Amino acid sequence: MTTELCRRWREMLGGYLLGHLSPEEVVGLEAHLDGCADCRAEREELRPVSGALASADPSHLGSPPPPPPELADRVFARVRAARRGQRRRRWNIAAAAAVAATLIAFSVSLALRASHGESEKFQFTAIPAGVTAEATLYRREPGVEVWIEVDGLTPGATYAVWVERATGERVRCGTFNAVNGNAHVVLPSTVQRADTAAVGVSTTDGNLVMRAPVTPKDA
């Protein structure tokens, strides 16, 4: 089933395939794709379209007017309708996907940056020797978005990121692969800011690697 989080990541696929995302956005999207077969399939479906867009000559295009606010909803509604009848109308999927990819390529980077708003930084109090890290939280819908900058983890190893509720429950956000040097990890969570007690990183089998307590704050 496609969740709200999947829908948000899929809106970034066009910019990802065209090379328009920041390094932080690429890390977050690829971490989600590692664990989501449906979104990987969506990426492969859009890949031929992105190749055609990359060869287009922008010098022949005038300055486009700003899209109406309801354009994105109409575009994705057409994509969903086309998929329901894809065996009979495959050309509709290609046309709708082309429009969606074009819209995403022009707007996703600006929209993502404008929506971050106020940030809150927290330090990891439980952390391995030789590792440096910092956590940043952004209020997003439906919960918080977790940004982690970390250096010193085992390169190539896979780690899980989670948000801890006030009750002690750990809600997993996703995974990332450590690199040799500083890694930028961006992952969304459904946990509300007011219910966030900590942000942490564990091995994939659940062993704690580091934890950053979060100051309580009203919603």
C-alpha atoms as a PDB file:
ATOM      1  CA  MET A   1       0.000   0.000   0.000  1.00  0.00           C
ATOM      2  CA  THR A   2       1.322   3.458  -0.873  1.00  0.00           C
ATOM      3  CA  THR A   3       1.649   5.508   2.310  1.00  0.00           C
ATOM      4  CA  GLU A   4       1.744   9.287   2.690  1.00  0.00           C
ATOM      5  CA  LEU A   5       5.524   9.013   3.201  1.00  0.00           C
ATOM      6  CA  CYS A   6       5.920   7.079  -0.041  1.00  0.00           C
ATOM      7  CA  ARG A   7       3.911   9.745  -1.882  1.00  0.00           C
ATOM      8  CA  ARG A   8       6.272  12.452  -0.605  1.00  0.00           C
ATOM      9  CA  TRP A   9       9.380  10.526  -1.666  1.00  0.00           C
ATOM     10  CA  ARG A  10       7.852   9.747  -5.096  1.00  0.00           C
ATOM     11  CA  GLU A  11       7.382  13.457  -5.694  1.00  0.00           C
ATOM     12  CA  MET A  12      11.192  13.717  -5.576  1.00  0.00           C
ATOM     13  CA  LEU A  13      11.888  10.963  -8.146  1.00  0.00           C
ATOM     14  CA  GLY A  14      11.823  13.293 -11.169  1.00  0.00           C
ATOM     15  CA  GLY A  15      14.376  15.656  -9.637  1.00  0.00           C
ATOM     16  CA  TYR A  16      16.475  12.634  -8.537  1.00  0.00           C
ATOM     17  CA  LEU A  17      16.610  11.108 -12.030  1.00  0.00           C
ATOM     18  CA  LEU A  18      17.451  14.499 -13.575  1.00  0.00           C
ATOM     19  CA  GLY A  19      20.224  15.180 -11.046  1.00  0.00           C
ATOM     20  CA  HIS A  20      18.478  18.201  -9.496  1.00  0.00           C
ATOM     21  CA  LEU A  21      18.497  17.070  -5.826  1.00  0.00           C
ATOM     22  CA  SER A  22      20.994  18.125  -3.176  1.00  0.00           C
ATOM     23  CA  PRO A  23      23.357  15.490  -1.707  1.00  0.00           C
ATOM     24  CA  GLU A  24      21.236  15.382   1.474  1.00  0.00           C
ATOM     25  CA  GLU A  25      18.049  14.788  -0.511  1.00  0.00           C
ATOM     26  CA  VAL A  26      19.724  12.032  -2.573  1.00  0.00           C
ATOM     27  CA  VAL A  27      20.867  10.207   0.599  1.00  0.00           C
ATOM     28  CA  GLY A  28      17.380  10.350   2.107  1.00  0.00           C
ATOM     29  CA  LEU A  29      15.629   9.199  -1.077  1.00  0.00           C
ATOM     30  CA  GLU A  30      18.071   6.336  -1.733  1.00  0.00           C
ATOM     31  CA  ALA A  31      17.679   5.149   1.878  1.00  0.00           C
ATOM     32  CA  HIS A  32      13.911   4.992   1.340  1.00  0.00           C
ATOM     33  CA  LEU A  33      14.299   3.212  -2.022  1.00  0.00           C
ATOM     34  CA  ASP A  34      16.469   0.533  -0.366  1.00  0.00           C
ATOM     35  CA  GLY A  35      13.484  -0.576   1.693  1.00  0.00           C
ATOM     36  CA  CYS A  36      10.548   0.129  -0.657  1.00  0.00           C
ATOM     37  CA  ALA A  37      10.040  -2.079  -3.712  1.00  0.00           C
ATOM     38  CA  ASP A  38       7.024  -0.054  -4.924  1.00  0.00           C
ATOM     39  CA  CYS A  39       8.993   3.194  -5.016  1.00  0.00           C
ATOM     40  CA  ARG A  40      11.888   1.441  -6.786  1.00  0.00           C
ATOM     41  CA  ALA A  41       9.429   0.283  -9.445  1.00  0.00           C
ATOM     42  CA  GLU A  42       8.155   3.856  -9.788  1.00  0.00           C
ATOM     43  CA  ARG A  43      11.720   5.040 -10.299  1.00  0.00           C
ATOM     44  CA  GLU A  44      12.336   2.542 -13.067  1.00  0.00           C
ATOM     45  CA  GLU A  45       9.075   3.540 -14.766  1.00  0.00           C
ATOM     46  CA  LEU A  46      10.129   7.208 -14.818  1.00  0.00           C
ATOM     47  CA  ARG A  47      13.734   6.541 -15.878  1.00  0.00           C
ATOM     48  CA  PRO A  48      13.046   6.515 -19.689  1.00  0.00           C
ATOM     49  CA  VAL A  49      11.103   9.767 -19.376  1.00  0.00           C
ATOM     50  CA  SER A  50      13.942  11.456 -17.502  1.00  0.00           C
ATOM     51  CA  GLY A  51      16.354  10.426 -20.256  1.00  0.00           C
ATOM     52  CA  ALA A  52      14.200  12.140 -22.862  1.00  0.00           C
ATOM     53  CA  LEU A  53      13.880  15.298 -20.734  1.00  0.00           C
ATOM     54  CA  ALA A  54      17.637  15.489 -20.245  1.00  0.00           C
ATOM     55  CA  SER A  55      18.153  15.797 -24.030  1.00  0.00           C
ATOM     56  CA  ALA A  56      15.634  18.639 -24.427  1.00  0.00           C
ATOM     57  CA  ASP A  57      17.005  22.068 -25.412  1.00  0.00           C
ATOM     58  CA  PRO A  58      15.776  24.676 -22.889  1.00  0.00           C
ATOM     59  CA  SER A  59      16.934  27.528 -25.152  1.00  0.00           C
ATOM     60  CA  HIS A  60      13.819  26.971 -27.282  1.00  0.00           C
ATOM     61  CA  LEU A  61      11.514  27.451 -24.312  1.00  0.00           C
ATOM     62  CA  GLY A  62      10.170  30.746 -23.102  1.00  0.00           C
ATOM     63  CA  SER A  63       9.747  31.639 -19.454  1.00  0.00           C
ATOM     64  CA  PRO A  64       6.840  29.467 -18.242  1.00  0.00           C
ATOM     65  CA  PRO A  65       4.096  31.052 -16.153  1.00  0.00           C
ATOM     66  CA  PRO A  66       3.829  29.800 -12.565  1.00  0.00           C
ATOM     67  CA  PRO A  67       1.675  26.627 -12.379  1.00  0.00           C
ATOM     68  CA  PRO A  68      -1.726  26.914 -10.682  1.00  0.00           C
ATOM     69  CA  PRO A  69      -1.777  25.534  -7.108  1.00  0.00           C
ATOM     70  CA  GLU A  70      -4.045  22.646  -8.062  1.00  0.00           C
ATOM     71  CA  LEU A  71      -1.858  21.454 -10.969  1.00  0.00           C
ATOM     72  CA  ALA A  72       0.054  18.824  -8.978  1.00  0.00           C
ATOM     73  CA  ASP A  73      -3.162  17.241  -7.671  1.00  0.00           C
ATOM     74  CA  ARG A  74      -4.599  17.081 -11.204  1.00  0.00           C
ATOM     75  CA  VAL A  75      -1.399  15.569 -12.609  1.00  0.00           C
ATOM     76  CA  PHE A  76      -1.152  12.799 -10.020  1.00  0.00           C
ATOM     77  CA  ALA A  77      -4.864  12.070 -10.304  1.00  0.00           C
ATOM     78  CA  ARG A  78      -4.343  11.463 -14.031  1.00  0.00           C
ATOM     79  CA  VAL A  79      -1.355   9.209 -13.325  1.00  0.00           C
ATOM     80  CA  ARG A  80      -3.408   7.073 -10.926  1.00  0.00           C
ATOM     81  CA  ALA A  81      -6.292   6.871 -13.396  1.00  0.00           C
ATOM     82  CA  ALA A  82      -3.935   5.869 -16.199  1.00  0.00           C
ATOM     83  CA  ARG A  83      -2.421   3.063 -14.133  1.00  0.00           C
ATOM     84  CA  ARG A  84      -5.808   1.505 -13.450  1.00  0.00           C
ATOM     85  CA  GLY A  85      -6.227   1.013 -17.176  1.00  0.00           C
ATOM     86  CA  GLN A  86      -2.563   0.565 -18.107  1.00  0.00           C
ATOM     87  CA  ARG A  87      -3.074  -2.651 -20.059  1.00  0.00           C
ATOM     88  CA  ARG A  88      -5.393  -0.856 -22.482  1.00  0.00           C
ATOM     89  CA  ARG A  89      -3.948   2.664 -22.353  1.00  0.00           C
ATOM     90  CA  ARG A  90      -0.182   2.442 -21.806  1.00  0.00           C
ATOM     91  CA  TRP A  91       0.387   5.631 -23.779  1.00  0.00           C
ATOM     92  CA  ASN A  92      -1.632   7.562 -21.176  1.00  0.00           C
ATOM     93  CA  ILE A  93       0.852   6.529 -18.477  1.00  0.00           C
ATOM     94  CA  ALA A  94       3.792   7.792 -20.492  1.00  0.00           C
ATOM     95  CA  ALA A  95       2.084  11.121 -21.174  1.00  0.00           C
ATOM     96  CA  ALA A  96       1.057  11.672 -17.553  1.00  0.00           C
ATOM     97  CA  ALA A  97       4.469  10.609 -16.248  1.00  0.00           C
ATOM     98  CA  ALA A  98       6.164  13.069 -18.603  1.00  0.00           C
ATOM     99  CA  VAL A  99       4.047  15.932 -17.265  1.00  0.00           C
ATOM    100  CA  ALA A 100       4.674  14.854 -13.661  1.00  0.00           C
ATOM    101  CA  ALA A 101       8.428  14.544 -14.173  1.00  0.00           C
ATOM    102  CA  THR A 102       8.595  17.999 -15.754  1.00  0.00           C
ATOM    103  CA  LEU A 103       6.635  19.553 -12.891  1.00  0.00           C
ATOM    104  CA  ILE A 104       8.803  17.827 -10.289  1.00  0.00           C
ATOM    105  CA  ALA A 105      12.061  18.831 -11.974  1.00  0.00           C
ATOM    106  CA  PHE A 106      11.136  22.541 -11.867  1.00  0.00           C
ATOM    107  CA  SER A 107       9.548  22.708  -8.398  1.00  0.00           C
ATOM    108  CA  VAL A 108      10.733  19.997  -5.992  1.00  0.00           C
ATOM    109  CA  SER A 109      13.989  21.592  -4.868  1.00  0.00           C
ATOM    110  CA  LEU A 110      12.431  24.996  -4.153  1.00  0.00           C
ATOM    111  CA  ALA A 111       9.365  23.512  -2.458  1.00  0.00           C
ATOM    112  CA  LEU A 112      11.405  21.225  -0.195  1.00  0.00           C
ATOM    113  CA  ARG A 113      13.694  23.992   1.006  1.00  0.00           C
ATOM    114  CA  ALA A 114      10.815  26.415   1.598  1.00  0.00           C
ATOM    115  CA  SER A 115       8.946  23.857   3.719  1.00  0.00           C
ATOM    116  CA  HIS A 116      11.707  23.082   6.232  1.00  0.00           C
ATOM    117  CA  GLY A 117      11.026  26.093   8.431  1.00  0.00           C
ATOM    118  CA  GLU A 118      12.451  26.204  11.970  1.00  0.00           C
ATOM    119  CA  SER A 119      15.185  23.715  12.801  1.00  0.00           C
ATOM    120  CA  GLU A 120      16.243  22.299  16.176  1.00  0.00           C
ATOM    121  CA  LYS A 121      19.689  20.797  16.730  1.00  0.00           C
ATOM    122  CA  PHE A 122      20.449  18.125  19.340  1.00  0.00           C
ATOM    123  CA  GLN A 123      23.709  16.511  20.416  1.00  0.00           C
ATOM    124  CA  PHE A 124      24.272  12.770  20.801  1.00  0.00           C
ATOM    125  CA  THR A 125      25.065  11.932  24.432  1.00  0.00           C
ATOM    126  CA  ALA A 126      25.509   8.194  23.790  1.00  0.00           C
ATOM    127  CA  ILE A 127      28.017   7.837  20.950  1.00  0.00           C
ATOM    128  CA  PRO A 128      30.961   5.524  20.121  1.00  0.00           C
ATOM    129  CA  ALA A 129      34.534   6.744  20.559  1.00  0.00           C
ATOM    130  CA  GLY A 130      35.876   8.401  17.414  1.00  0.00           C
ATOM    131  CA  VAL A 131      32.402   9.174  16.031  1.00  0.00           C
ATOM    132  CA  THR A 132      31.101  12.744  15.683  1.00  0.00           C
ATOM    133  CA  ALA A 133      27.426  13.403  14.950  1.00  0.00           C
ATOM    134  CA  GLU A 134      24.679  15.994  15.194  1.00  0.00           C
ATOM    135  CA  ALA A 135      20.898  15.613  14.825  1.00  0.00           C
ATOM    136  CA  THR A 136      18.535  18.252  13.425  1.00  0.00           C
ATOM    137  CA  LEU A 137      14.736  18.074  13.558  1.00  0.00           C
ATOM    138  CA  TYR A 138      12.308  19.848  11.230  1.00  0.00           C
ATOM    139  CA  ARG A 139       8.561  19.943  11.771  1.00  0.00           C
ATOM    140  CA  ARG A 140       6.912  18.390   8.741  1.00  0.00           C
ATOM    141  CA  GLU A 141       3.625  16.625   8.010  1.00  0.00           C
ATOM    142  CA  PRO A 142       2.701  14.107   9.305  1.00  0.00           C
ATOM    143  CA  GLY A 143       5.544  14.217  11.893  1.00  0.00           C
ATOM    144  CA  VAL A 144       9.173  15.315  12.160  1.00  0.00           C
ATOM    145  CA  GLU A 145      11.955  15.047   9.590  1.00  0.00           C
ATOM    146  CA  VAL A 146      15.312  13.817  10.911  1.00  0.00           C
ATOM    147  CA  TRP A 147      18.611  15.123   9.540  1.00  0.00           C
ATOM    148  CA  ILE A 148      21.802  13.515  10.866  1.00  0.00           C
ATOM    149  CA  GLU A 149      25.378  14.447  10.027  1.00  0.00           C
ATOM    150  CA  VAL A 150      27.755  11.720  11.157  1.00  0.00           C
ATOM    151  CA  ASP A 151      31.430  10.921  10.663  1.00  0.00           C
ATOM    152  CA  GLY A 152      33.350   7.875  11.901  1.00  0.00           C
ATOM    153  CA  LEU A 153      30.895   4.995  11.453  1.00  0.00           C
ATOM    154  CA  THR A 154      32.087   1.821   9.732  1.00  0.00           C
ATOM    155  CA  PRO A 155      32.108   2.540   5.943  1.00  0.00           C
ATOM    156  CA  GLY A 156      29.663   0.320   4.046  1.00  0.00           C
ATOM    157  CA  ALA A 157      27.804  -0.804   7.169  1.00  0.00           C
ATOM    158  CA  THR A 158      24.009  -0.377   7.254  1.00  0.00           C
ATOM    159  CA  TYR A 159      22.417   1.512  10.141  1.00  0.00           C
ATOM    160  CA  ALA A 160      18.812   2.152  11.167  1.00  0.00           C
ATOM    161  CA  VAL A 161      17.521   5.586  12.231  1.00  0.00           C
ATOM    162  CA  TRP A 162      14.616   5.869  14.680  1.00  0.00           C
ATOM    163  CA  VAL A 163      12.618   8.406  16.671  1.00  0.00           C
ATOM    164  CA  GLU A 164      11.841   7.535  20.291  1.00  0.00           C
ATOM    165  CA  ARG A 165       8.425   8.469  21.660  1.00  0.00           C
ATOM    166  CA  ALA A 166       7.885   9.779  25.204  1.00  0.00           C
ATOM    167  CA  THR A 167       6.641   6.260  26.075  1.00  0.00           C
ATOM    168  CA  GLY A 168      10.019   4.758  25.106  1.00  0.00           C
ATOM    169  CA  GLU A 169       8.730   3.192  21.872  1.00  0.00           C
ATOM    170  CA  ARG A 170      11.202   3.481  18.997  1.00  0.00           C
ATOM    171  CA  VAL A 171       9.617   4.219  15.624  1.00  0.00           C
ATOM    172  CA  ARG A 172      11.934   3.368  12.738  1.00  0.00           C
ATOM    173  CA  CYS A 173      12.447   5.990  10.014  1.00  0.00           C
ATOM    174  CA  GLY A 174      14.649   4.049   7.579  1.00  0.00           C
ATOM    175  CA  THR A 175      18.238   2.934   6.979  1.00  0.00           C
ATOM    176  CA  PHE A 176      21.441   4.329   5.491  1.00  0.00           C
ATOM    177  CA  ASN A 177      24.858   3.038   4.518  1.00  0.00           C
ATOM    178  CA  ALA A 178      27.830   4.703   6.224  1.00  0.00           C
ATOM    179  CA  VAL A 179      30.540   6.229   4.038  1.00  0.00           C
ATOM    180  CA  ASN A 180      34.213   6.988   4.513  1.00  0.00           C
ATOM    181  CA  GLY A 181      33.908  10.517   5.871  1.00  0.00           C
ATOM    182  CA  ASN A 182      30.938  12.715   6.689  1.00  0.00           C
ATOM    183  CA  ALA A 183      27.493  11.286   5.840  1.00  0.00           C
ATOM    184  CA  HIS A 184      24.316  13.375   5.515  1.00  0.00           C
ATOM    185  CA  VAL A 185      21.161  11.405   6.341  1.00  0.00           C
ATOM    186  CA  VAL A 186      17.629  12.758   5.780  1.00  0.00           C
ATOM    187  CA  LEU A 187      14.654  10.598   6.802  1.00  0.00           C
ATOM    188  CA  PRO A 188      10.992  11.387   7.608  1.00  0.00           C
ATOM    189  CA  SER A 189       9.078  10.164  10.657  1.00  0.00           C
ATOM    190  CA  THR A 190       5.388   9.978  11.562  1.00  0.00           C
ATOM    191  CA  VAL A 191       6.139  10.827  15.218  1.00  0.00           C
ATOM    192  CA  GLN A 192       4.856  14.270  16.213  1.00  0.00           C
ATOM    193  CA  ARG A 193       7.351  16.797  17.619  1.00  0.00           C
ATOM    194  CA  ALA A 194       5.509  16.984  20.965  1.00  0.00           C
ATOM    195  CA  ASP A 195       5.851  13.185  21.351  1.00  0.00           C
ATOM    196  CA  THR A 196       9.556  13.057  20.387  1.00  0.00           C
ATOM    197  CA  ALA A 197      11.875  12.147  23.269  1.00  0.00           C
ATOM    198  CA  ALA A 198      15.044  11.151  21.393  1.00  0.00           C
ATOM    199  CA  VAL A 199      16.619  10.422  18.017  1.00  0.00           C
ATOM    200  CA  GLY A 200      18.881   7.438  17.624  1.00  0.00           C
ATOM    201  CA  VAL A 201      20.891   5.143  15.384  1.00  0.00           C
ATOM    202  CA  SER A 202      21.171   1.367  15.793  1.00  0.00           C
ATOM    203  CA  THR A 203      22.589  -1.548  13.871  1.00  0.00           C
ATOM    204  CA  THR A 204      20.028  -3.343  11.722  1.00  0.00           C
ATOM    205  CA  ASP A 205      19.710  -6.070  14.392  1.00  0.00           C
ATOM    206  CA  GLY A 206      18.744  -3.503  17.042  1.00  0.00           C
ATOM    207  CA  ASN A 207      21.982  -2.800  18.937  1.00  0.00           C
ATOM    208  CA  LEU A 208      22.201   0.852  20.012  1.00  0.00           C
ATOM    209  CA  VAL A 209      24.940   2.872  18.293  1.00  0.00           C
ATOM    210  CA  MET A 210      24.105   6.426  19.397  1.00  0.00           C
ATOM    211  CA  ARG A 211      21.228   8.392  20.937  1.00  0.00           C
ATOM    212  CA  ALA A 212      20.414  12.123  21.130  1.00  0.00           C
ATOM    213  CA  PRO A 213      17.866  13.187  23.776  1.00  0.00           C
ATOM    214  CA  VAL A 214      15.305  15.720  22.489  1.00  0.00           C
ATOM    215  CA  THR A 215      14.078  18.589  24.649  1.00  0.00           C
ATOM    216  CA  PRO A 216      10.322  18.324  25.258  1.00  0.00           C
ATOM    217  CA  LYS A 217       8.297  20.863  23.310  1.00  0.00           C
ATOM    218  CA  ASP A 218       4.611  21.488  22.753  1.00  0.00           C
ATOM    219  CA  ALA A 219       3.058  20.761  19.341  1.00  0.00           C
END
